[in-house]
């Protein structure tokens, strides 16, 4: 994916689709609440309680990639006031 021409909504759509189709079943049971950084081109990902740690490890393997970052099991990675809402299965 060319970083200069990427549409952010396309990156999100591809990341969500890949997660739902390939990762959700194996990642959610053991990593709920942790951050996941996904390279949407390769499908490679990192999971960590620390968002930046996950991104840095993923970027070390794929320095030119863009990453879809999410909190496993939740609809949003961060919150502004209020609480985080869990994803529906």
PDB file of N, CA and C in Angstrom:
ATOM      1  N   UNK A   1       0.847  -1.168   0.000  1.00  0.00           N
ATOM      2  CA  UNK A   1       0.000   0.000   0.000  1.00  0.00           C
ATOM      3  C   UNK A   1       0.890   1.227   0.000  1.00  0.00           C
ATOM      4  N   UNK A   2       0.711   2.090  -0.944  1.00  0.00           N
ATOM      5  CA  UNK A   2       1.508   3.302  -1.061  1.00  0.00           C
ATOM      6  C   UNK A   2       1.073   4.308   0.001  1.00  0.00           C
ATOM      7  N   UNK A   3       1.980   4.674   0.910  1.00  0.00           N
ATOM      8  CA  UNK A   3       1.645   5.579   2.003  1.00  0.00           C
ATOM      9  C   UNK A   3       1.216   6.948   1.507  1.00  0.00           C
ATOM     10  N   UNK A   4       1.664   7.348   0.335  1.00  0.00           N
ATOM     11  CA  UNK A   4       1.342   8.671  -0.175  1.00  0.00           C
ATOM     12  C   UNK A   4      -0.096   8.758  -0.693  1.00  0.00           C
ATOM     13  N   UNK A   5      -0.684   7.646  -1.076  1.00  0.00           N
ATOM     14  CA  UNK A   5      -2.008   7.687  -1.679  1.00  0.00           C
ATOM     15  C   UNK A   5      -3.052   6.911  -0.893  1.00  0.00           C
ATOM     16  N   UNK A   6      -2.728   6.483   0.302  1.00  0.00           N
ATOM     17  CA  UNK A   6      -3.666   5.661   1.070  1.00  0.00           C
ATOM     18  C   UNK A   6      -4.844   6.507   1.560  1.00  0.00           C
ATOM     19  N   UNK A   7      -6.015   5.937   1.437  1.00  0.00           N
ATOM     20  CA  UNK A   7      -7.229   6.535   1.974  1.00  0.00           C
ATOM     21  C   UNK A   7      -7.417   5.938   3.367  1.00  0.00           C
ATOM     22  N   UNK A   8      -7.430   6.765   4.411  1.00  0.00           N
ATOM     23  CA  UNK A   8      -7.556   6.214   5.772  1.00  0.00           C
ATOM     24  C   UNK A   8      -8.768   5.300   5.942  1.00  0.00           C
ATOM     25  N   UNK A   9      -9.883   5.618   5.314  1.00  0.00           N
ATOM     26  CA  UNK A   9     -11.064   4.767   5.465  1.00  0.00           C
ATOM     27  C   UNK A   9     -10.842   3.405   4.807  1.00  0.00           C
ATOM     28  N   UNK A  10     -10.026   3.364   3.745  1.00  0.00           N
ATOM     29  CA  UNK A  10      -9.699   2.083   3.111  1.00  0.00           C
ATOM     30  C   UNK A  10      -8.823   1.246   4.036  1.00  0.00           C
ATOM     31  N   UNK A  11      -7.851   1.874   4.688  1.00  0.00           N
ATOM     32  CA  UNK A  11      -6.987   1.172   5.624  1.00  0.00           C
ATOM     33  C   UNK A  11      -7.815   0.570   6.758  1.00  0.00           C
ATOM     34  N   UNK A  12      -8.745   1.339   7.298  1.00  0.00           N
ATOM     35  CA  UNK A  12      -9.606   0.853   8.376  1.00  0.00           C
ATOM     36  C   UNK A  12     -10.478  -0.301   7.885  1.00  0.00           C
ATOM     37  N   UNK A  13     -11.093  -0.137   6.717  1.00  0.00           N
ATOM     38  CA  UNK A  13     -11.962  -1.191   6.186  1.00  0.00           C
ATOM     39  C   UNK A  13     -11.190  -2.483   5.959  1.00  0.00           C
ATOM     40  N   UNK A  14     -10.000  -2.372   5.392  1.00  0.00           N
ATOM     41  CA  UNK A  14      -9.188  -3.560   5.146  1.00  0.00           C
ATOM     42  C   UNK A  14      -8.730  -4.197   6.451  1.00  0.00           C
ATOM     43  N   UNK A  15      -8.331  -3.370   7.419  1.00  0.00           N
ATOM     44  CA  UNK A  15      -7.903  -3.892   8.711  1.00  0.00           C
ATOM     45  C   UNK A  15      -9.025  -4.603   9.440  1.00  0.00           C
ATOM     46  N   UNK A  16     -10.205  -3.991   9.481  1.00  0.00           N
ATOM     47  CA  UNK A  16     -11.342  -4.616  10.143  1.00  0.00           C
ATOM     48  C   UNK A  16     -11.741  -5.918   9.461  1.00  0.00           C
ATOM     49  N   UNK A  17     -11.762  -5.907   8.128  1.00  0.00           N
ATOM     50  CA  UNK A  17     -12.146  -7.120   7.392  1.00  0.00           C
ATOM     51  C   UNK A  17     -11.150  -8.243   7.641  1.00  0.00           C
ATOM     52  N   UNK A  18      -9.855  -7.929   7.595  1.00  0.00           N
ATOM     53  CA  UNK A  18      -8.839  -8.956   7.814  1.00  0.00           C
ATOM     54  C   UNK A  18      -8.948  -9.511   9.232  1.00  0.00           C
ATOM     55  N   UNK A  19      -9.100  -8.619  10.196  1.00  0.00           N
ATOM     56  CA  UNK A  19      -9.221  -9.055  11.594  1.00  0.00           C
ATOM     57  C   UNK A  19     -10.428  -9.975  11.759  1.00  0.00           C
ATOM     58  N   UNK A  20     -11.576  -9.552  11.253  1.00  0.00           N
ATOM     59  CA  UNK A  20     -12.797 -10.353  11.405  1.00  0.00           C
ATOM     60  C   UNK A  20     -12.686 -11.715  10.721  1.00  0.00           C
ATOM     61  N   UNK A  21     -12.091 -11.751   9.549  1.00  0.00           N
ATOM     62  CA  UNK A  21     -12.022 -12.992   8.774  1.00  0.00           C
ATOM     63  C   UNK A  21     -10.915 -13.951   9.215  1.00  0.00           C
ATOM     64  N   UNK A  22      -9.792 -13.402   9.685  1.00  0.00           N
ATOM     65  CA  UNK A  22      -8.621 -14.255   9.920  1.00  0.00           C
ATOM     66  C   UNK A  22      -8.103 -14.298  11.359  1.00  0.00           C
ATOM     67  N   UNK A  23      -8.382 -13.285  12.163  1.00  0.00           N
ATOM     68  CA  UNK A  23      -7.716 -13.213  13.466  1.00  0.00           C
ATOM     69  C   UNK A  23      -8.636 -13.275  14.674  1.00  0.00           C
ATOM     70  N   UNK A  24      -9.832 -12.766  14.553  1.00  0.00           N
ATOM     71  CA  UNK A  24     -10.713 -12.610  15.722  1.00  0.00           C
ATOM     72  C   UNK A  24     -10.808 -13.885  16.564  1.00  0.00           C
ATOM     73  N   UNK A  25     -11.102 -15.007  15.951  1.00  0.00           N
ATOM     74  CA  UNK A  25     -11.329 -16.253  16.689  1.00  0.00           C
ATOM     75  C   UNK A  25     -10.111 -16.693  17.491  1.00  0.00           C
ATOM     76  N   UNK A  26      -8.923 -16.438  16.980  1.00  0.00           N
ATOM     77  CA  UNK A  26      -7.726 -16.888  17.693  1.00  0.00           C
ATOM     78  C   UNK A  26      -7.146 -15.833  18.621  1.00  0.00           C
ATOM     79  N   UNK A  27      -7.424 -14.559  18.382  1.00  0.00           N
ATOM     80  CA  UNK A  27      -6.815 -13.484  19.168  1.00  0.00           C
ATOM     81  C   UNK A  27      -7.665 -13.082  20.370  1.00  0.00           C
ATOM     82  N   UNK A  28      -8.982 -12.960  20.184  1.00  0.00           N
ATOM     83  CA  UNK A  28      -9.822 -12.422  21.263  1.00  0.00           C
ATOM     84  C   UNK A  28      -9.835 -13.226  22.553  1.00  0.00           C
ATOM     85  N   UNK A  29      -9.892 -14.538  22.493  1.00  0.00           N
ATOM     86  CA  UNK A  29      -9.981 -15.248  23.781  1.00  0.00           C
ATOM     87  C   UNK A  29      -8.817 -14.978  24.732  1.00  0.00           C
ATOM     88  N   UNK A  30      -7.637 -14.792  24.207  1.00  0.00           N
ATOM     89  CA  UNK A  30      -6.480 -14.639  25.096  1.00  0.00           C
ATOM     90  C   UNK A  30      -5.920 -13.225  25.188  1.00  0.00           C
ATOM     91  N   UNK A  31      -6.331 -12.322  24.298  1.00  0.00           N
ATOM     92  CA  UNK A  31      -5.730 -10.988  24.276  1.00  0.00           C
ATOM     93  C   UNK A  31      -6.724  -9.837  24.409  1.00  0.00           C
ATOM     94  N   UNK A  32      -7.934 -10.096  24.876  1.00  0.00           N
ATOM     95  CA  UNK A  32      -8.938  -9.038  25.011  1.00  0.00           C
ATOM     96  C   UNK A  32      -8.387  -7.899  25.861  1.00  0.00           C
ATOM     97  N   UNK A  33      -8.531  -6.679  25.352  1.00  0.00           N
ATOM     98  CA  UNK A  33      -8.059  -5.487  26.049  1.00  0.00           C
ATOM     99  C   UNK A  33      -6.671  -5.041  25.640  1.00  0.00           C
ATOM    100  N   UNK A  34      -5.919  -5.887  24.958  1.00  0.00           N
ATOM    101  CA  UNK A  34      -4.580  -5.523  24.495  1.00  0.00           C
ATOM    102  C   UNK A  34      -4.677  -4.839  23.130  1.00  0.00           C
ATOM    103  N   UNK A  35      -3.596  -4.217  22.710  1.00  0.00           N
ATOM    104  CA  UNK A  35      -3.541  -3.549  21.409  1.00  0.00           C
ATOM    105  C   UNK A  35      -2.989  -4.485  20.351  1.00  0.00           C
ATOM    106  N   UNK A  36      -3.532  -4.377  19.153  1.00  0.00           N
ATOM    107  CA  UNK A  36      -3.083  -5.168  18.014  1.00  0.00           C
ATOM    108  C   UNK A  36      -2.696  -4.206  16.901  1.00  0.00           C
ATOM    109  N   UNK A  37      -1.486  -4.360  16.365  1.00  0.00           N
ATOM    110  CA  UNK A  37      -1.016  -3.579  15.217  1.00  0.00           C
ATOM    111  C   UNK A  37      -0.911  -4.543  14.044  1.00  0.00           C
ATOM    112  N   UNK A  38      -1.721  -4.306  13.006  1.00  0.00           N
ATOM    113  CA  UNK A  38      -1.843  -5.216  11.869  1.00  0.00           C
ATOM    114  C   UNK A  38      -1.333  -4.570  10.592  1.00  0.00           C
ATOM    115  N   UNK A  39      -0.399  -5.242   9.927  1.00  0.00           N
ATOM    116  CA  UNK A  39       0.040  -4.841   8.590  1.00  0.00           C
ATOM    117  C   UNK A  39      -0.991  -5.420   7.623  1.00  0.00           C
ATOM    118  N   UNK A  40      -1.828  -4.577   7.031  1.00  0.00           N
ATOM    119  CA  UNK A  40      -2.927  -5.069   6.200  1.00  0.00           C
ATOM    120  C   UNK A  40      -2.446  -5.692   4.899  1.00  0.00           C
ATOM    121  N   UNK A  41      -1.219  -5.425   4.492  1.00  0.00           N
ATOM    122  CA  UNK A  41      -0.677  -6.025   3.270  1.00  0.00           C
ATOM    123  C   UNK A  41      -0.251  -7.476   3.505  1.00  0.00           C
ATOM    124  N   UNK A  42       0.476  -7.716   4.578  1.00  0.00           N
ATOM    125  CA  UNK A  42       1.026  -9.054   4.824  1.00  0.00           C
ATOM    126  C   UNK A  42       0.169  -9.898   5.765  1.00  0.00           C
ATOM    127  N   UNK A  43      -0.651  -9.251   6.584  1.00  0.00           N
ATOM    128  CA  UNK A  43      -1.409  -9.974   7.596  1.00  0.00           C
ATOM    129  C   UNK A  43      -0.611 -10.198   8.871  1.00  0.00           C
ATOM    130  N   UNK A  44       0.640  -9.752   8.880  1.00  0.00           N
ATOM    131  CA  UNK A  44       1.495  -9.890  10.050  1.00  0.00           C
ATOM    132  C   UNK A  44       0.999  -8.916  11.124  1.00  0.00           C
ATOM    133  N   UNK A  45       1.092  -9.305  12.392  1.00  0.00           N
ATOM    134  CA  UNK A  45       0.603  -8.436  13.458  1.00  0.00           C
ATOM    135  C   UNK A  45       1.394  -8.660  14.736  1.00  0.00           C
ATOM    136  N   UNK A  46       1.237  -7.709  15.639  1.00  0.00           N
ATOM    137  CA  UNK A  46       1.808  -7.776  16.984  1.00  0.00           C
ATOM    138  C   UNK A  46       0.715  -7.427  17.976  1.00  0.00           C
ATOM    139  N   UNK A  47       0.750  -8.059  19.138  1.00  0.00           N
ATOM    140  CA  UNK A  47      -0.196  -7.783  20.217  1.00  0.00           C
ATOM    141  C   UNK A  47       0.609  -7.445  21.466  1.00  0.00           C
ATOM    142  N   UNK A  48       0.163  -6.407  22.183  1.00  0.00           N
ATOM    143  CA  UNK A  48       0.853  -6.020  23.411  1.00  0.00           C
ATOM    144  C   UNK A  48      -0.082  -5.183  24.267  1.00  0.00           C
ATOM    145  N   UNK A  49       0.138  -5.177  25.569  1.00  0.00           N
ATOM    146  CA  UNK A  49      -0.630  -4.298  26.455  1.00  0.00           C
ATOM    147  C   UNK A  49      -0.278  -2.845  26.206  1.00  0.00           C
ATOM    148  N   UNK A  50       0.913  -2.600  25.690  1.00  0.00           N
ATOM    149  CA  UNK A  50       1.394  -1.254  25.374  1.00  0.00           C
ATOM    150  C   UNK A  50       1.249  -1.028  23.870  1.00  0.00           C
ATOM    151  N   UNK A  51       0.430  -0.061  23.492  1.00  0.00           N
ATOM    152  CA  UNK A  51       0.161   0.211  22.082  1.00  0.00           C
ATOM    153  C   UNK A  51       1.439   0.503  21.290  1.00  0.00           C
ATOM    154  N   UNK A  52       2.298   1.345  21.836  1.00  0.00           N
ATOM    155  CA  UNK A  52       3.526   1.701  21.123  1.00  0.00           C
ATOM    156  C   UNK A  52       4.477   0.520  20.987  1.00  0.00           C
ATOM    157  N   UNK A  53       4.529  -0.345  21.970  1.00  0.00           N
ATOM    158  CA  UNK A  53       5.391  -1.536  21.883  1.00  0.00           C
ATOM    159  C   UNK A  53       4.937  -2.420  20.728  1.00  0.00           C
ATOM    160  N   UNK A  54       3.623  -2.612  20.589  1.00  0.00           N
ATOM    161  CA  UNK A  54       3.102  -3.426  19.485  1.00  0.00           C
ATOM    162  C   UNK A  54       3.450  -2.795  18.139  1.00  0.00           C
ATOM    163  N   UNK A  55       3.280  -1.487  18.032  1.00  0.00           N
ATOM    164  CA  UNK A  55       3.578  -0.784  16.778  1.00  0.00           C
ATOM    165  C   UNK A  55       5.070  -0.855  16.469  1.00  0.00           C
ATOM    166  N   UNK A  56       5.914  -0.628  17.458  1.00  0.00           N
ATOM    167  CA  UNK A  56       7.371  -0.638  17.216  1.00  0.00           C
ATOM    168  C   UNK A  56       7.857  -2.020  16.774  1.00  0.00           C
ATOM    169  N   UNK A  57       7.351  -3.076  17.388  1.00  0.00           N
ATOM    170  CA  UNK A  57       7.762  -4.421  16.969  1.00  0.00           C
ATOM    171  C   UNK A  57       7.281  -4.730  15.554  1.00  0.00           C
ATOM    172  N   UNK A  58       6.053  -4.337  15.244  1.00  0.00           N
ATOM    173  CA  UNK A  58       5.526  -4.570  13.897  1.00  0.00           C
ATOM    174  C   UNK A  58       6.321  -3.760  12.872  1.00  0.00           C
ATOM    175  N   UNK A  59       6.626  -2.518  13.199  1.00  0.00           N
ATOM    176  CA  UNK A  59       7.375  -1.653  12.277  1.00  0.00           C
ATOM    177  C   UNK A  59       8.810  -2.137  12.080  1.00  0.00           C
ATOM    178  N   UNK A  60       9.378  -2.790  13.087  1.00  0.00           N
ATOM    179  CA  UNK A  60      10.740  -3.317  12.943  1.00  0.00           C
ATOM    180  C   UNK A  60      10.796  -4.365  11.832  1.00  0.00           C
ATOM    181  N   UNK A  61       9.719  -5.128  11.663  1.00  0.00           N
ATOM    182  CA  UNK A  61       9.663  -6.147  10.608  1.00  0.00           C
ATOM    183  C   UNK A  61       9.175  -5.594   9.278  1.00  0.00           C
ATOM    184  N   UNK A  62       8.371  -4.542   9.326  1.00  0.00           N
ATOM    185  CA  UNK A  62       7.773  -3.969   8.111  1.00  0.00           C
ATOM    186  C   UNK A  62       7.891  -2.448   8.164  1.00  0.00           C
ATOM    187  N   UNK A  63       9.089  -1.904   7.990  1.00  0.00           N
ATOM    188  CA  UNK A  63       9.298  -0.463   8.184  1.00  0.00           C
ATOM    189  C   UNK A  63       8.533   0.436   7.211  1.00  0.00           C
ATOM    190  N   UNK A  64       8.157  -0.055   6.065  1.00  0.00           N
ATOM    191  CA  UNK A  64       7.464   0.776   5.079  1.00  0.00           C
ATOM    192  C   UNK A  64       5.949   0.638   5.130  1.00  0.00           C
ATOM    193  N   UNK A  65       5.448  -0.210   5.997  1.00  0.00           N
ATOM    194  CA  UNK A  65       4.010  -0.501   6.023  1.00  0.00           C
ATOM    195  C   UNK A  65       3.228   0.510   6.849  1.00  0.00           C
ATOM    196  N   UNK A  66       1.934   0.560   6.544  1.00  0.00           N
ATOM    197  CA  UNK A  66       0.972   1.276   7.373  1.00  0.00           C
ATOM    198  C   UNK A  66       0.242   0.235   8.203  1.00  0.00           C
ATOM    199  N   UNK A  67      -0.122   0.590   9.430  1.00  0.00           N
ATOM    200  CA  UNK A  67      -0.719  -0.373  10.337  1.00  0.00           C
ATOM    201  C   UNK A  67      -2.107   0.053  10.777  1.00  0.00           C
ATOM    202  N   UNK A  68      -2.987  -0.926  10.833  1.00  0.00           N
ATOM    203  CA  UNK A  68      -4.301  -0.766  11.433  1.00  0.00           C
ATOM    204  C   UNK A  68      -4.112  -1.135  12.900  1.00  0.00           C
ATOM    205  N   UNK A  69      -4.437  -0.222  13.811  1.00  0.00           N
ATOM    206  CA  UNK A  69      -4.242  -0.454  15.241  1.00  0.00           C
ATOM    207  C   UNK A  69      -5.597  -0.460  15.926  1.00  0.00           C
ATOM    208  N   UNK A  70      -5.797  -1.442  16.768  1.00  0.00           N
ATOM    209  CA  UNK A  70      -7.073  -1.588  17.462  1.00  0.00           C
ATOM    210  C   UNK A  70      -6.849  -2.162  18.856  1.00  0.00           C
ATOM    211  N   UNK A  71      -7.893  -2.062  19.692  1.00  0.00           N
ATOM    212  CA  UNK A  71      -7.869  -2.722  20.993  1.00  0.00           C
ATOM    213  C   UNK A  71      -8.710  -3.981  20.842  1.00  0.00           C
ATOM    214  N   UNK A  72      -8.117  -5.113  21.101  1.00  0.00           N
ATOM    215  CA  UNK A  72      -8.767  -6.410  20.899  1.00  0.00           C
ATOM    216  C   UNK A  72     -10.033  -6.506  21.760  1.00  0.00           C
ATOM    217  N   UNK A  73     -11.152  -6.807  21.094  1.00  0.00           N
ATOM    218  CA  UNK A  73     -12.413  -7.014  21.785  1.00  0.00           C
ATOM    219  C   UNK A  73     -13.238  -5.760  22.009  1.00  0.00           C
ATOM    220  N   UNK A  74     -12.754  -4.610  21.554  1.00  0.00           N
ATOM    221  CA  UNK A  74     -13.456  -3.349  21.760  1.00  0.00           C
ATOM    222  C   UNK A  74     -13.677  -2.631  20.430  1.00  0.00           C
ATOM    223  N   UNK A  75     -14.688  -1.760  20.384  1.00  0.00           N
ATOM    224  CA  UNK A  75     -14.992  -1.027  19.155  1.00  0.00           C
ATOM    225  C   UNK A  75     -14.040   0.142  18.920  1.00  0.00           C
ATOM    226  N   UNK A  76     -13.352   0.586  19.948  1.00  0.00           N
ATOM    227  CA  UNK A  76     -12.415   1.707  19.814  1.00  0.00           C
ATOM    228  C   UNK A  76     -11.159   1.398  20.621  1.00  0.00           C
ATOM    229  N   UNK A  77     -10.036   1.942  20.165  1.00  0.00           N
ATOM    230  CA  UNK A  77      -8.777   1.720  20.871  1.00  0.00           C
ATOM    231  C   UNK A  77      -8.653   2.631  22.085  1.00  0.00           C
ATOM    232  N   UNK A  78      -9.268   3.814  22.013  1.00  0.00           N
ATOM    233  CA  UNK A  78      -9.151   4.816  23.080  1.00  0.00           C
ATOM    234  C   UNK A  78     -10.528   5.379  23.387  1.00  0.00           C
ATOM    235  N   UNK A  79     -10.616   6.091  24.486  1.00  0.00           N
ATOM    236  CA  UNK A  79     -11.883   6.713  24.840  1.00  0.00           C
ATOM    237  C   UNK A  79     -11.661   8.169  25.214  1.00  0.00           C
ATOM    238  N   UNK A  80     -12.664   8.958  24.978  1.00  0.00           N
ATOM    239  CA  UNK A  80     -12.686  10.352  25.408  1.00  0.00           C
ATOM    240  C   UNK A  80     -13.894  10.473  26.328  1.00  0.00           C
ATOM    241  N   UNK A  81     -13.663  10.394  27.624  1.00  0.00           N
ATOM    242  CA  UNK A  81     -14.773  10.378  28.560  1.00  0.00           C
ATOM    243  C   UNK A  81     -15.525   9.062  28.429  1.00  0.00           C
ATOM    244  N   UNK A  82     -16.450   8.777  29.283  1.00  0.00           N
ATOM    245  CA  UNK A  82     -17.220   7.536  29.163  1.00  0.00           C
ATOM    246  C   UNK A  82     -16.351   6.309  29.214  1.00  0.00           C
ATOM    247  N   UNK A  83     -16.932   5.174  28.864  1.00  0.00           N
ATOM    248  CA  UNK A  83     -16.205   3.901  28.892  1.00  0.00           C
ATOM    249  C   UNK A  83     -16.071   3.304  27.516  1.00  0.00           C
ATOM    250  N   UNK A  84     -15.205   2.330  27.402  1.00  0.00           N
ATOM    251  CA  UNK A  84     -15.033   1.618  26.136  1.00  0.00           C
ATOM    252  C   UNK A  84     -16.158   0.612  25.970  1.00  0.00           C
ATOM    253  N   UNK A  85     -16.648   0.481  24.751  1.00  0.00           N
ATOM    254  CA  UNK A  85     -17.709  -0.477  24.451  1.00  0.00           C
ATOM    255  C   UNK A  85     -17.117  -1.721  23.829  1.00  0.00           C
ATOM    256  N   UNK A  86     -17.547  -2.878  24.322  1.00  0.00           N
ATOM    257  CA  UNK A  86     -17.092  -4.150  23.765  1.00  0.00           C
ATOM    258  C   UNK A  86     -17.696  -4.356  22.389  1.00  0.00           C
ATOM    259  N   UNK A  87     -16.964  -5.089  21.544  1.00  0.00           N
ATOM    260  CA  UNK A  87     -17.482  -5.488  20.236  1.00  0.00           C
ATOM    261  C   UNK A  87     -18.542  -6.555  20.436  1.00  0.00           C
ATOM    262  N   UNK A  88     -19.491  -6.592  19.543  1.00  0.00           N
ATOM    263  CA  UNK A  88     -20.474  -7.685  19.555  1.00  0.00           C
ATOM    264  C   UNK A  88     -19.884  -8.853  18.789  1.00  0.00           C
ATOM    265  N   UNK A  89     -20.024 -10.081  19.302  1.00  0.00           N
ATOM    266  CA  UNK A  89     -19.453 -11.254  18.611  1.00  0.00           C
ATOM    267  C   UNK A  89     -20.058 -11.476  17.240  1.00  0.00           C
TER     268      UNK A  89
END
